[in-house]
Amino acid sequence: MFTKIIFVAAVIALVSAQDSHKKHEGHHEEQHVDYYAHPKYEFAYEIKDPHTHDFKQQHEHRDGDVVKGEYSLHQPDGTVRIVKYHADKKSGFNADVKYEGHAKHIVPEHHHHH
């Protein structure tokens, strides 16, 4: 008896699935989905931490295949490194690096214990 019930339930499910498929056949439209989205963004940040002496900033923007930006950071010797960059398909990645300020070389103190 249990086998007959499962068989009848399977036949009903199969018929229902075929009827449901026929209802959608006339209404099925081919949809084209374009997964390419034009890349475009812009961001910026800045860090100023006198406790750790971490000072840096960056900003960048992209429009399509062209990326432009600049960042700077305070280096341990006291100079500031400034990097301006530009990247695109034609010329690749190009950076212009400059330094501001004068390097300070700190001589560590040696303590002699007597």
N, C-alpha and C. Protein backbone atom coordinates (compact mmCIF):
# COMPACT_ATOMS: atom_id res chain seq x y z
N MET A 1 0.83 -1.19 0.00
CA MET A 1 0.00 0.00 0.00
C MET A 1 0.87 1.26 0.00
N PHE A 2 1.92 1.26 0.84
CA PHE A 2 2.82 2.41 0.94
C PHE A 2 3.50 2.69 -0.39
N THR A 3 3.89 1.65 -1.12
CA THR A 3 4.55 1.79 -2.42
C THR A 3 3.60 2.43 -3.42
N LYS A 4 2.32 2.07 -3.39
CA LYS A 4 1.34 2.65 -4.31
C LYS A 4 1.17 4.15 -4.04
N ILE A 5 1.17 4.55 -2.78
CA ILE A 5 1.01 5.96 -2.43
C ILE A 5 2.21 6.76 -2.93
N ILE A 6 3.41 6.24 -2.75
CA ILE A 6 4.61 6.94 -3.23
C ILE A 6 4.58 7.03 -4.75
N PHE A 7 4.18 5.95 -5.43
CA PHE A 7 4.12 5.96 -6.89
C PHE A 7 3.11 7.00 -7.38
N VAL A 8 1.92 7.06 -6.77
CA VAL A 8 0.90 8.04 -7.16
C VAL A 8 1.41 9.45 -6.90
N ALA A 9 2.06 9.68 -5.78
CA ALA A 9 2.59 11.01 -5.46
C ALA A 9 3.66 11.41 -6.47
N ALA A 10 4.49 10.47 -6.89
CA ALA A 10 5.53 10.77 -7.88
C ALA A 10 4.91 11.12 -9.23
N VAL A 11 3.87 10.40 -9.64
CA VAL A 11 3.19 10.70 -10.91
C VAL A 11 2.54 12.07 -10.85
N ILE A 12 1.90 12.40 -9.75
CA ILE A 12 1.26 13.72 -9.61
C ILE A 12 2.31 14.82 -9.68
N ALA A 13 3.43 14.63 -9.02
CA ALA A 13 4.50 15.64 -9.05
C ALA A 13 5.05 15.81 -10.46
N LEU A 14 5.22 14.72 -11.19
CA LEU A 14 5.74 14.78 -12.55
C LEU A 14 4.77 15.52 -13.47
N VAL A 15 3.49 15.23 -13.37
CA VAL A 15 2.48 15.89 -14.21
C VAL A 15 2.40 17.37 -13.86
N SER A 16 2.46 17.71 -12.59
CA SER A 16 2.41 19.12 -12.18
C SER A 16 3.60 19.88 -12.71
N ALA A 17 4.77 19.28 -12.69
CA ALA A 17 5.97 19.94 -13.19
C ALA A 17 5.87 20.18 -14.69
N GLN A 18 5.33 19.22 -15.44
CA GLN A 18 5.18 19.39 -16.89
C GLN A 18 4.17 20.48 -17.21
N ASP A 19 3.06 20.52 -16.48
CA ASP A 19 2.06 21.57 -16.70
C ASP A 19 2.64 22.94 -16.40
N SER A 20 3.38 23.04 -15.33
CA SER A 20 3.97 24.32 -14.97
C SER A 20 4.98 24.76 -16.02
N HIS A 21 5.74 23.84 -16.61
CA HIS A 21 6.71 24.17 -17.65
C HIS A 21 6.00 24.67 -18.91
N LYS A 22 4.86 24.05 -19.26
CA LYS A 22 4.11 24.46 -20.45
C LYS A 22 3.55 25.87 -20.29
N LYS A 23 3.15 26.24 -19.09
CA LYS A 23 2.59 27.57 -18.85
C LYS A 23 3.63 28.66 -19.09
N HIS A 24 4.90 28.37 -18.82
CA HIS A 24 5.95 29.38 -18.95
C HIS A 24 6.60 29.40 -20.33
N GLU A 25 6.32 28.40 -21.16
CA GLU A 25 6.97 28.34 -22.47
C GLU A 25 6.66 29.55 -23.33
N GLY A 26 5.43 29.99 -23.35
CA GLY A 26 5.03 31.12 -24.19
C GLY A 26 5.50 32.46 -23.66
N HIS A 27 5.84 32.51 -22.40
CA HIS A 27 6.21 33.78 -21.77
C HIS A 27 7.71 33.93 -21.54
N HIS A 28 8.48 32.97 -21.97
CA HIS A 28 9.92 33.01 -21.73
C HIS A 28 10.57 33.97 -22.72
N GLU A 29 11.22 34.99 -22.19
CA GLU A 29 11.93 35.95 -23.03
C GLU A 29 13.42 35.82 -22.76
N GLU A 30 14.20 35.90 -23.81
CA GLU A 30 15.66 35.85 -23.68
C GLU A 30 16.13 37.18 -23.10
N GLN A 31 16.83 37.13 -21.99
CA GLN A 31 17.32 38.36 -21.37
C GLN A 31 18.82 38.43 -21.52
N HIS A 32 19.30 39.57 -21.96
CA HIS A 32 20.74 39.80 -22.07
C HIS A 32 21.19 40.57 -20.83
N VAL A 33 22.16 40.03 -20.14
CA VAL A 33 22.68 40.68 -18.95
C VAL A 33 24.12 41.10 -19.25
N ASP A 34 24.38 42.38 -19.13
CA ASP A 34 25.73 42.90 -19.34
C ASP A 34 26.41 43.01 -17.99
N TYR A 35 27.42 42.19 -17.77
CA TYR A 35 28.10 42.18 -16.48
C TYR A 35 29.21 43.21 -16.39
N TYR A 36 29.48 43.94 -17.45
CA TYR A 36 30.52 44.96 -17.42
C TYR A 36 29.93 46.24 -16.85
N ALA A 37 30.51 46.73 -15.82
CA ALA A 37 30.12 48.02 -15.26
C ALA A 37 31.32 48.94 -15.40
N HIS A 38 31.09 50.13 -15.87
CA HIS A 38 32.16 51.11 -16.06
C HIS A 38 32.77 51.41 -14.70
N PRO A 39 34.05 51.07 -14.49
CA PRO A 39 34.65 51.31 -13.18
C PRO A 39 34.87 52.80 -12.92
N LYS A 40 34.31 53.26 -11.84
CA LYS A 40 34.45 54.67 -11.48
C LYS A 40 34.35 54.79 -9.96
N TYR A 41 35.39 55.37 -9.35
CA TYR A 41 35.36 55.57 -7.91
C TYR A 41 36.31 56.70 -7.54
N GLU A 42 36.20 57.12 -6.30
CA GLU A 42 37.10 58.12 -5.75
C GLU A 42 37.15 57.90 -4.24
N PHE A 43 38.35 57.99 -3.67
CA PHE A 43 38.47 57.86 -2.22
C PHE A 43 39.62 58.71 -1.72
N ALA A 44 39.58 58.97 -0.43
CA ALA A 44 40.66 59.73 0.22
C ALA A 44 40.67 59.37 1.70
N TYR A 45 41.86 59.44 2.29
CA TYR A 45 41.97 59.26 3.73
C TYR A 45 43.21 60.00 4.23
N GLU A 46 43.22 60.25 5.53
CA GLU A 46 44.34 60.95 6.15
C GLU A 46 44.51 60.42 7.57
N ILE A 47 45.76 60.20 7.95
CA ILE A 47 46.07 59.74 9.30
C ILE A 47 47.04 60.74 9.93
N LYS A 48 46.71 61.20 11.13
CA LYS A 48 47.58 62.09 11.90
C LYS A 48 47.63 61.55 13.32
N ASP A 49 48.70 60.85 13.64
CA ASP A 49 48.83 60.26 14.96
C ASP A 49 50.16 60.70 15.59
N PRO A 50 50.13 61.77 16.40
CA PRO A 50 51.36 62.26 17.00
C PRO A 50 51.99 61.26 17.98
N HIS A 51 51.20 60.39 18.55
CA HIS A 51 51.73 59.40 19.49
C HIS A 51 52.67 58.42 18.80
N THR A 52 52.28 57.94 17.62
CA THR A 52 53.11 56.97 16.88
C THR A 52 53.93 57.64 15.78
N HIS A 53 53.75 58.93 15.61
CA HIS A 53 54.42 59.69 14.54
C HIS A 53 54.03 59.17 13.16
N ASP A 54 52.80 58.72 13.05
CA ASP A 54 52.29 58.21 11.77
C ASP A 54 51.46 59.31 11.11
N PHE A 55 52.02 59.91 10.07
CA PHE A 55 51.35 60.97 9.33
C PHE A 55 51.37 60.57 7.86
N LYS A 56 50.20 60.38 7.29
CA LYS A 56 50.12 60.03 5.87
C LYS A 56 48.74 60.37 5.34
N GLN A 57 48.66 60.48 4.03
CA GLN A 57 47.38 60.75 3.38
C GLN A 57 47.42 60.17 1.98
N GLN A 58 46.25 59.89 1.44
CA GLN A 58 46.15 59.42 0.06
C GLN A 58 44.80 59.82 -0.51
N HIS A 59 44.79 60.14 -1.78
CA HIS A 59 43.53 60.27 -2.51
C HIS A 59 43.74 59.69 -3.90
N GLU A 60 42.67 59.11 -4.44
CA GLU A 60 42.75 58.44 -5.73
C GLU A 60 41.38 58.49 -6.39
N HIS A 61 41.39 58.58 -7.72
CA HIS A 61 40.13 58.46 -8.45
C HIS A 61 40.37 57.65 -9.72
N ARG A 62 39.34 56.93 -10.12
CA ARG A 62 39.39 56.10 -11.31
C ARG A 62 38.16 56.38 -12.14
N ASP A 63 38.38 56.47 -13.45
CA ASP A 63 37.30 56.61 -14.41
C ASP A 63 37.65 55.71 -15.59
N GLY A 64 36.98 54.59 -15.69
CA GLY A 64 37.30 53.63 -16.74
C GLY A 64 38.64 52.98 -16.47
N ASP A 65 39.52 53.04 -17.45
CA ASP A 65 40.84 52.43 -17.31
C ASP A 65 41.91 53.42 -16.88
N VAL A 66 41.52 54.59 -16.43
CA VAL A 66 42.48 55.61 -16.02
C VAL A 66 42.39 55.81 -14.50
N VAL A 67 43.54 55.65 -13.84
CA VAL A 67 43.62 55.85 -12.39
C VAL A 67 44.65 56.94 -12.12
N LYS A 68 44.27 57.92 -11.29
CA LYS A 68 45.18 58.99 -10.90
C LYS A 68 45.11 59.14 -9.39
N GLY A 69 46.24 59.46 -8.79
CA GLY A 69 46.23 59.65 -7.35
C GLY A 69 47.52 60.21 -6.83
N GLU A 70 47.52 60.41 -5.53
CA GLU A 70 48.69 60.95 -4.84
C GLU A 70 48.66 60.46 -3.40
N TYR A 71 49.83 60.16 -2.88
CA TYR A 71 49.93 59.87 -1.45
C TYR A 71 51.21 60.45 -0.90
N SER A 72 51.20 60.71 0.39
CA SER A 72 52.40 61.22 1.05
C SER A 72 52.50 60.58 2.42
N LEU A 73 53.74 60.52 2.91
CA LEU A 73 53.97 59.98 4.24
C LEU A 73 55.23 60.58 4.83
N HIS A 74 55.20 60.72 6.15
CA HIS A 74 56.37 61.22 6.88
C HIS A 74 57.27 60.02 7.14
N GLN A 75 58.52 60.15 6.72
CA GLN A 75 59.47 59.06 6.88
C GLN A 75 60.22 59.19 8.20
N PRO A 76 60.84 58.11 8.67
CA PRO A 76 61.54 58.16 9.96
C PRO A 76 62.64 59.21 10.04
N ASP A 77 63.24 59.57 8.90
CA ASP A 77 64.32 60.57 8.94
C ASP A 77 63.82 62.01 8.95
N GLY A 78 62.49 62.19 8.99
CA GLY A 78 61.92 63.53 9.05
C GLY A 78 61.49 64.10 7.71
N THR A 79 61.84 63.46 6.61
CA THR A 79 61.42 63.95 5.30
C THR A 79 60.00 63.47 5.00
N VAL A 80 59.39 64.12 4.03
CA VAL A 80 58.06 63.73 3.58
C VAL A 80 58.19 63.23 2.15
N ARG A 81 57.74 62.01 1.92
CA ARG A 81 57.75 61.45 0.57
C ARG A 81 56.38 61.71 -0.06
N ILE A 82 56.38 62.27 -1.27
CA ILE A 82 55.15 62.57 -2.00
C ILE A 82 55.20 61.81 -3.32
N VAL A 83 54.19 61.00 -3.57
CA VAL A 83 54.13 60.20 -4.79
C VAL A 83 52.85 60.55 -5.54
N LYS A 84 53.02 61.03 -6.76
CA LYS A 84 51.88 61.27 -7.65
C LYS A 84 51.94 60.19 -8.72
N TYR A 85 50.81 59.54 -8.97
CA TYR A 85 50.82 58.43 -9.92
C TYR A 85 49.65 58.52 -10.90
N HIS A 86 49.86 57.85 -12.03
CA HIS A 86 48.89 57.81 -13.12
C HIS A 86 49.03 56.45 -13.78
N ALA A 87 47.93 55.80 -14.06
CA ALA A 87 47.98 54.50 -14.72
C ALA A 87 46.86 54.40 -15.74
N ASP A 88 47.19 53.86 -16.90
CA ASP A 88 46.19 53.58 -17.93
C ASP A 88 46.70 52.44 -18.81
N LYS A 89 45.85 51.98 -19.73
CA LYS A 89 46.23 50.86 -20.60
C LYS A 89 47.38 51.22 -21.53
N LYS A 90 47.43 52.45 -21.97
CA LYS A 90 48.43 52.86 -22.96
C LYS A 90 49.84 52.97 -22.36
N SER A 91 49.96 53.67 -21.23
CA SER A 91 51.29 53.94 -20.68
C SER A 91 51.64 53.12 -19.44
N GLY A 92 50.72 52.33 -18.93
CA GLY A 92 50.99 51.54 -17.73
C GLY A 92 50.99 52.41 -16.48
N PHE A 93 51.73 51.98 -15.47
CA PHE A 93 51.80 52.71 -14.20
C PHE A 93 53.02 53.62 -14.21
N ASN A 94 52.81 54.89 -13.90
CA ASN A 94 53.89 55.87 -13.84
C ASN A 94 53.78 56.64 -12.53
N ALA A 95 54.91 56.81 -11.86
CA ALA A 95 54.91 57.53 -10.58
C ALA A 95 56.00 58.59 -10.58
N ASP A 96 55.67 59.73 -9.99
CA ASP A 96 56.63 60.82 -9.80
C ASP A 96 56.84 60.94 -8.29
N VAL A 97 58.05 60.67 -7.84
CA VAL A 97 58.34 60.66 -6.41
C VAL A 97 59.21 61.87 -6.06
N LYS A 98 58.78 62.61 -5.04
CA LYS A 98 59.53 63.78 -4.56
C LYS A 98 59.67 63.68 -3.05
N TYR A 99 60.67 64.38 -2.54
CA TYR A 99 60.91 64.43 -1.10
C TYR A 99 60.96 65.88 -0.66
N GLU A 100 60.34 66.17 0.48
CA GLU A 100 60.38 67.51 1.06
C GLU A 100 61.06 67.43 2.41
N GLY A 101 61.73 68.51 2.76
CA GLY A 101 62.39 68.57 4.06
C GLY A 101 63.81 68.05 3.99
N HIS A 102 64.47 68.10 5.13
CA HIS A 102 65.86 67.65 5.22
C HIS A 102 65.93 66.46 6.17
N ALA A 103 66.69 65.48 5.77
CA ALA A 103 66.83 64.28 6.60
C ALA A 103 67.59 64.61 7.88
N LYS A 104 67.09 64.11 8.97
CA LYS A 104 67.73 64.29 10.27
C LYS A 104 68.23 62.93 10.73
N HIS A 105 69.51 62.81 10.86
CA HIS A 105 70.09 61.55 11.33
C HIS A 105 70.33 61.65 12.82
N ILE A 106 69.59 60.90 13.54
CA ILE A 106 69.68 60.93 15.00
C ILE A 106 70.71 59.89 15.44
N VAL A 107 71.67 60.36 16.19
CA VAL A 107 72.70 59.47 16.71
C VAL A 107 72.22 58.95 18.05
N PRO A 108 72.13 57.64 18.19
CA PRO A 108 71.65 57.10 19.47
C PRO A 108 72.66 57.36 20.58
N GLU A 109 72.12 57.64 21.75
CA GLU A 109 72.98 57.88 22.90
C GLU A 109 73.39 56.55 23.50
N HIS A 110 74.66 56.46 23.86
CA HIS A 110 75.15 55.25 24.52
C HIS A 110 75.40 55.59 25.98
N HIS A 111 74.79 54.86 26.83
CA HIS A 111 74.96 55.07 28.27
C HIS A 111 76.00 54.10 28.79
N HIS A 112 77.00 54.64 29.42
CA HIS A 112 78.05 53.79 29.99
C HIS A 112 77.76 53.60 31.47
N HIS A 113 77.75 52.39 31.87
CA HIS A 113 77.51 52.07 33.28
C HIS A 113 78.83 51.75 33.96
N HIS A 114 79.15 52.48 35.02
CA HIS A 114 80.40 52.25 35.77
C HIS A 114 80.08 51.70 37.11
